[in-house]
Amino acid sequence: MSIKKSLSEEDKNYKEQEVLEYDIIVKMERGKVHLLNYILEAEDNAMNIRSFEGEYLKVIAPKDTVIDAIKLLESVKEYVDLEIIGLRPNNGTAG
């Protein structure tokens, strides 16, 4: 699994703080997010679907489950066309 990581200036401000959550940035059709939601509801507390940022879906996962969340997202590719395009520390915002 290859995930591109990019740090914006805002992300760099949080670099020295302990990371508690990560944003997983996913490229997918907006119309399919409901299907992804139904599939992921089976895994309690692994991640939370937040919102679209432009054309990308932001999924948030606690640091303890971020690897499992990525694996779970990868495993649903046969049902939902998606691509994980980034991983970054969450800056403390839900949106």
Protein backbone atom coordinates (compact mmCIF):
# COMPACT_ATOMS: atom_id res chain seq x y z
CA MET A 1 0.00 0.00 0.00
CA SER A 2 1.44 3.34 -1.04
CA ILE A 3 0.07 6.50 0.55
CA LYS A 4 1.28 9.94 -0.42
CA LYS A 5 1.80 12.19 2.59
CA SER A 6 1.77 15.91 2.25
CA LEU A 7 2.06 18.47 5.02
CA SER A 8 0.52 21.89 4.57
CA GLU A 9 1.69 24.81 6.70
CA GLU A 10 -1.24 24.14 9.06
CA ASP A 11 -0.19 20.49 9.38
CA LYS A 12 3.39 21.53 10.17
CA ASN A 13 2.15 23.55 13.14
CA TYR A 14 0.88 20.32 14.69
CA LYS A 15 3.98 18.30 13.84
CA GLU A 16 5.51 18.68 17.28
CA GLN A 17 2.30 17.88 19.17
CA GLU A 18 1.30 14.30 19.88
CA VAL A 19 -0.89 13.05 17.06
CA LEU A 20 -4.15 11.61 18.39
CA GLU A 21 -6.05 11.26 15.12
CA TYR A 22 -5.31 11.10 11.42
CA ASP A 23 -7.21 12.28 8.36
CA ILE A 24 -7.35 9.70 5.60
CA ILE A 25 -8.04 11.46 2.31
CA VAL A 26 -10.07 9.37 -0.14
CA LYS A 27 -10.92 10.00 -3.78
CA MET A 28 -14.35 8.63 -4.67
CA GLU A 29 -17.73 9.52 -6.16
CA ARG A 30 -19.91 11.62 -3.85
CA GLY A 31 -22.92 9.48 -4.77
CA LYS A 32 -21.25 6.34 -3.39
CA VAL A 33 -20.45 7.69 0.08
CA HIS A 34 -23.73 6.30 1.48
CA LEU A 35 -22.73 2.80 0.34
CA LEU A 36 -19.30 3.20 1.94
CA ASN A 37 -20.99 4.35 5.14
CA TYR A 38 -23.19 1.24 5.29
CA ILE A 39 -20.23 -1.06 4.76
CA LEU A 40 -18.07 0.67 7.37
CA GLU A 41 -20.76 0.75 10.07
CA ALA A 42 -19.90 -2.90 10.76
CA GLU A 43 -16.53 -1.84 12.18
CA ASP A 44 -17.29 0.06 15.36
CA ASN A 45 -14.95 2.95 16.23
CA ALA A 46 -12.36 2.24 13.54
CA MET A 47 -13.01 5.49 11.68
CA ASN A 48 -15.53 8.22 11.01
CA ILE A 49 -16.56 9.60 7.64
CA ARG A 50 -16.47 13.38 7.92
CA SER A 51 -17.05 15.44 4.80
CA PHE A 52 -15.87 16.19 1.31
CA GLU A 53 -13.06 18.71 0.91
CA GLY A 54 -13.50 19.67 -2.71
CA GLU A 55 -13.40 16.36 -4.57
CA TYR A 56 -11.89 14.34 -1.71
CA LEU A 57 -13.60 12.62 1.20
CA LYS A 58 -12.06 13.16 4.63
CA VAL A 59 -12.19 10.14 6.94
CA ILE A 60 -10.89 10.50 10.50
CA ALA A 61 -9.35 7.67 12.52
CA PRO A 62 -7.77 7.51 15.98
CA LYS A 63 -4.03 6.86 15.97
CA ASP A 64 -4.62 3.41 17.47
CA THR A 65 -6.87 2.29 14.59
CA VAL A 66 -5.52 4.24 11.61
CA ILE A 67 -3.75 1.20 10.09
CA ASP A 68 -6.87 -0.95 10.52
CA ALA A 69 -8.97 1.84 9.01
CA ILE A 70 -6.71 2.01 5.95
CA LYS A 71 -6.83 -1.77 5.54
CA LEU A 72 -10.62 -1.71 5.84
CA LEU A 73 -10.91 1.05 3.23
CA GLU A 74 -8.62 -0.93 0.92
CA SER A 75 -10.79 -4.03 1.42
CA VAL A 76 -14.01 -2.33 0.27
CA LYS A 77 -12.58 -1.41 -3.14
CA GLU A 78 -14.43 -4.33 -4.73
CA TYR A 79 -17.72 -2.67 -3.72
CA VAL A 80 -16.88 1.04 -3.91
CA ASP A 81 -14.45 2.59 -6.39
CA LEU A 82 -12.10 4.58 -4.17
CA GLU A 83 -8.45 5.51 -3.87
CA ILE A 84 -6.63 6.52 -0.70
CA ILE A 85 -4.56 9.50 -1.73
CA GLY A 86 -3.27 10.90 1.52
CA LEU A 87 -2.71 10.57 5.24
CA ARG A 88 -2.08 13.50 7.53
CA PRO A 89 -2.30 14.30 11.22
CA ASN A 90 -5.70 15.70 12.14
CA ASN A 91 -5.49 19.34 13.17
CA GLY A 92 -8.23 19.02 15.76
CA THR A 93 -11.12 19.97 13.52
CA ALA A 94 -14.06 17.75 12.68
CA GLY A 95 -14.94 19.40 9.36
